[in-house]
């Protein structure tokens, strides 16, 4: 990864803010941009102070991001990917925290430009907030790379979650 990781969080509800807190604690120096439709949730994120920049436009939030994590329900992700696709940096990794299923992976891959990698992350790693608070190491984190994902991108996202205290493991959506 480059000197300063630039992370974009799309969706700043409970999950998005939990990721922001986790990254702030474990990866100091990471620049975090965020977006959510809700003005109330933007205010909450601002109060929590883990997100450095809050935007009302998701495409602006992902500009220059090395990693973009979709912290939204899977049903909203195709529309969001279609919208942010032109703004994504070459070599960016797009991930999500929804239940990655084959159909969702295929749909999102078609909407994203080939210059970015799509690597789903299984949400089980976020279901136990106590693990965040206690910073338990070696909690499994399942990564599901879309077909065609570059090895360097898989390594980068594995390192990202590993530095956050998880044990990344490669899986498929069918597992």
Protein backbone atom coordinates (compact mmCIF):
# COMPACT_ATOMS: atom_id res chain seq x y z
CA UNK A 1 0.00 0.00 0.00
CA UNK A 2 1.07 3.56 -0.50
CA UNK A 3 2.23 5.84 2.33
CA UNK A 4 -1.24 7.03 3.25
CA UNK A 5 -4.14 4.76 2.52
CA UNK A 6 -7.24 6.61 1.33
CA UNK A 7 -10.38 4.69 2.30
CA UNK A 8 -13.85 5.51 1.04
CA UNK A 9 -16.87 4.31 3.00
CA UNK A 10 -20.18 4.30 1.18
CA UNK A 11 -22.88 4.09 3.82
CA UNK A 12 -22.31 5.44 7.31
CA UNK A 13 -24.86 3.58 9.36
CA UNK A 14 -23.84 1.32 12.22
CA UNK A 15 -21.61 -0.86 10.02
CA UNK A 16 -19.90 1.98 8.17
CA UNK A 17 -19.14 3.83 11.39
CA UNK A 18 -17.86 0.61 12.99
CA UNK A 19 -15.44 0.15 10.09
CA UNK A 20 -14.34 3.80 10.38
CA UNK A 21 -13.64 3.35 14.09
CA UNK A 22 -11.80 0.07 13.52
CA UNK A 23 -9.60 1.56 10.80
CA UNK A 24 -8.94 4.74 12.81
CA UNK A 25 -7.77 2.66 15.76
CA UNK A 26 -5.70 0.09 13.85
CA UNK A 27 -4.45 2.01 10.83
CA UNK A 28 -3.57 5.50 12.07
CA UNK A 29 -2.80 7.83 9.24
CA UNK A 30 -5.46 6.34 6.98
CA UNK A 31 -7.52 9.08 5.37
CA UNK A 32 -11.22 8.17 5.51
CA UNK A 33 -13.84 9.73 3.23
CA UNK A 34 -17.48 8.90 3.68
CA UNK A 35 -20.93 9.23 2.19
CA UNK A 36 -24.44 8.46 3.28
CA UNK A 37 -27.82 9.59 1.96
CA UNK A 38 -28.97 10.57 5.44
CA UNK A 39 -28.10 14.02 6.77
CA UNK A 40 -28.70 12.63 10.28
CA UNK A 41 -26.12 9.87 9.71
CA UNK A 42 -23.61 12.37 8.33
CA UNK A 43 -24.04 14.38 11.55
CA UNK A 44 -23.57 11.23 13.63
CA UNK A 45 -20.41 10.34 11.69
CA UNK A 46 -19.10 13.86 12.21
CA UNK A 47 -19.69 13.58 15.98
CA UNK A 48 -17.91 10.22 16.12
CA UNK A 49 -14.96 11.89 14.35
CA UNK A 50 -13.54 8.77 12.66
CA UNK A 51 -14.34 9.96 9.12
CA UNK A 52 -12.14 12.84 7.94
CA UNK A 53 -14.31 14.05 5.07
CA UNK A 54 -18.07 13.67 4.65
CA UNK A 55 -19.72 14.15 1.29
CA UNK A 56 -23.25 14.44 -0.01
CA UNK A 57 -22.18 12.85 -3.33
CA UNK A 58 -20.82 9.28 -3.32
CA UNK A 59 -18.76 9.85 -6.47
CA UNK A 60 -16.87 12.68 -4.78
CA UNK A 61 -16.34 10.51 -1.67
CA UNK A 62 -14.51 7.83 -3.68
CA UNK A 63 -12.22 10.12 -5.68
CA UNK A 64 -8.57 9.16 -5.09
CA UNK A 65 -9.53 6.21 -2.83
CA UNK A 66 -7.32 3.14 -2.78
CA UNK A 67 -10.07 1.07 -1.17
CA UNK A 68 -13.82 1.68 -1.31
CA UNK A 69 -16.08 -0.32 0.99
CA UNK A 70 -19.80 -0.47 0.30
CA UNK A 71 -21.45 -0.52 3.74
CA UNK A 72 -24.96 -0.59 2.31
CA UNK A 73 -27.60 -3.26 1.74
CA UNK A 74 -26.82 -5.42 -1.33
CA UNK A 75 -29.99 -4.20 -3.09
CA UNK A 76 -28.64 -0.63 -3.20
CA UNK A 77 -25.17 -1.56 -4.42
CA UNK A 78 -25.79 -1.84 -8.18
CA UNK A 79 -27.17 1.71 -8.35
CA UNK A 80 -24.29 3.02 -6.25
CA UNK A 81 -21.66 1.19 -8.33
CA UNK A 82 -23.13 2.52 -11.55
CA UNK A 83 -22.91 6.04 -10.12
CA UNK A 84 -19.40 5.89 -8.62
CA UNK A 85 -17.78 3.84 -11.40
CA UNK A 86 -16.47 6.82 -13.42
CA UNK A 87 -14.91 8.37 -10.29
CA UNK A 88 -12.98 5.29 -9.17
CA UNK A 89 -9.20 5.50 -9.40
CA UNK A 90 -7.22 3.07 -11.51
CA UNK A 91 -6.19 0.16 -9.30
CA UNK A 92 -8.81 0.88 -6.64
CA UNK A 93 -10.33 -2.02 -4.75
CA UNK A 94 -14.09 -2.06 -4.29
CA UNK A 95 -15.36 -4.24 -1.50
CA UNK A 96 -18.59 -4.65 0.37
CA UNK A 97 -19.83 -5.95 3.67
CA UNK A 98 -23.12 -7.37 2.46
CA UNK A 99 -23.81 -11.03 2.03
CA UNK A 100 -21.83 -11.69 -1.13
CA UNK A 101 -23.70 -14.00 -3.42
CA UNK A 102 -22.71 -14.99 -6.92
CA UNK A 103 -25.49 -13.01 -8.59
CA UNK A 104 -24.55 -9.81 -6.73
CA UNK A 105 -20.87 -10.29 -7.56
CA UNK A 106 -21.62 -10.76 -11.27
CA UNK A 107 -23.92 -7.71 -11.34
CA UNK A 108 -21.40 -5.42 -9.61
CA UNK A 109 -18.47 -6.65 -11.71
CA UNK A 110 -20.39 -5.71 -14.88
CA UNK A 111 -21.00 -2.19 -13.54
CA UNK A 112 -17.44 -1.48 -12.46
CA UNK A 113 -14.67 -0.58 -14.88
CA UNK A 114 -11.94 -3.16 -15.54
CA UNK A 115 -9.37 -0.80 -13.99
CA UNK A 116 -10.71 -1.63 -10.49
CA UNK A 117 -10.84 -4.90 -8.55
CA UNK A 118 -13.96 -6.22 -6.83
CA UNK A 119 -13.33 -8.24 -3.68
CA UNK A 120 -16.29 -8.97 -1.42
CA UNK A 121 -15.78 -9.29 2.32
CA UNK A 122 -18.02 -11.55 4.35
CA UNK A 123 -19.95 -9.64 7.03
CA UNK A 124 -19.53 -12.25 9.80
CA UNK A 125 -16.42 -10.40 10.87
CA UNK A 126 -18.53 -7.39 11.85
CA UNK A 127 -21.30 -9.15 13.72
CA UNK A 128 -19.57 -9.19 17.10
CA UNK A 129 -18.72 -5.64 18.23
CA UNK A 130 -16.91 -7.04 21.30
CA UNK A 131 -14.23 -8.37 18.97
CA UNK A 132 -13.59 -4.80 17.79
CA UNK A 133 -13.50 -3.43 21.32
CA UNK A 134 -11.18 -6.15 22.58
CA UNK A 135 -9.15 -6.09 19.35
CA UNK A 136 -9.14 -9.89 19.23
CA UNK A 137 -6.60 -11.02 16.69
CA UNK A 138 -7.16 -13.79 14.23
CA UNK A 139 -10.92 -13.42 13.85
CA UNK A 140 -11.64 -14.89 10.39
CA UNK A 141 -12.40 -12.45 7.59
CA UNK A 142 -13.56 -14.11 4.39
CA UNK A 143 -12.51 -12.46 1.13
CA UNK A 144 -14.27 -13.38 -2.10
CA UNK A 145 -12.44 -11.97 -5.13
CA UNK A 146 -14.52 -11.54 -8.27
CA UNK A 147 -13.18 -13.39 -11.31
CA UNK A 148 -10.32 -11.42 -12.82
CA UNK A 149 -9.24 -9.76 -9.56
CA UNK A 150 -5.53 -9.08 -9.60
CA UNK A 151 -3.30 -10.92 -7.11
CA UNK A 152 -1.81 -7.62 -5.96
CA UNK A 153 -5.31 -6.36 -5.07
CA UNK A 154 -6.11 -9.52 -3.14
CA UNK A 155 -2.84 -9.14 -1.25
CA UNK A 156 -3.55 -5.45 -0.50
CA UNK A 157 -7.05 -6.08 0.87
CA UNK A 158 -5.74 -9.07 2.87
CA UNK A 159 -3.07 -6.85 4.41
CA UNK A 160 -5.66 -4.15 5.11
CA UNK A 161 -7.95 -6.49 7.08
CA UNK A 162 -4.95 -8.24 8.65
CA UNK A 163 -3.68 -4.92 10.02
CA UNK A 164 -7.17 -4.37 11.42
CA UNK A 165 -6.78 -7.54 13.49
CA UNK A 166 -8.46 -10.15 11.30
CA UNK A 167 -7.22 -13.33 9.68
CA UNK A 168 -8.14 -12.98 5.99
CA UNK A 169 -9.10 -16.19 4.21
CA UNK A 170 -10.00 -16.58 0.56
CA UNK A 171 -13.44 -18.10 -0.10
CA UNK A 172 -16.05 -18.21 -2.85
CA UNK A 173 -19.60 -16.81 -2.66
CA UNK A 174 -20.92 -20.38 -2.72
CA UNK A 175 -19.05 -21.35 0.46
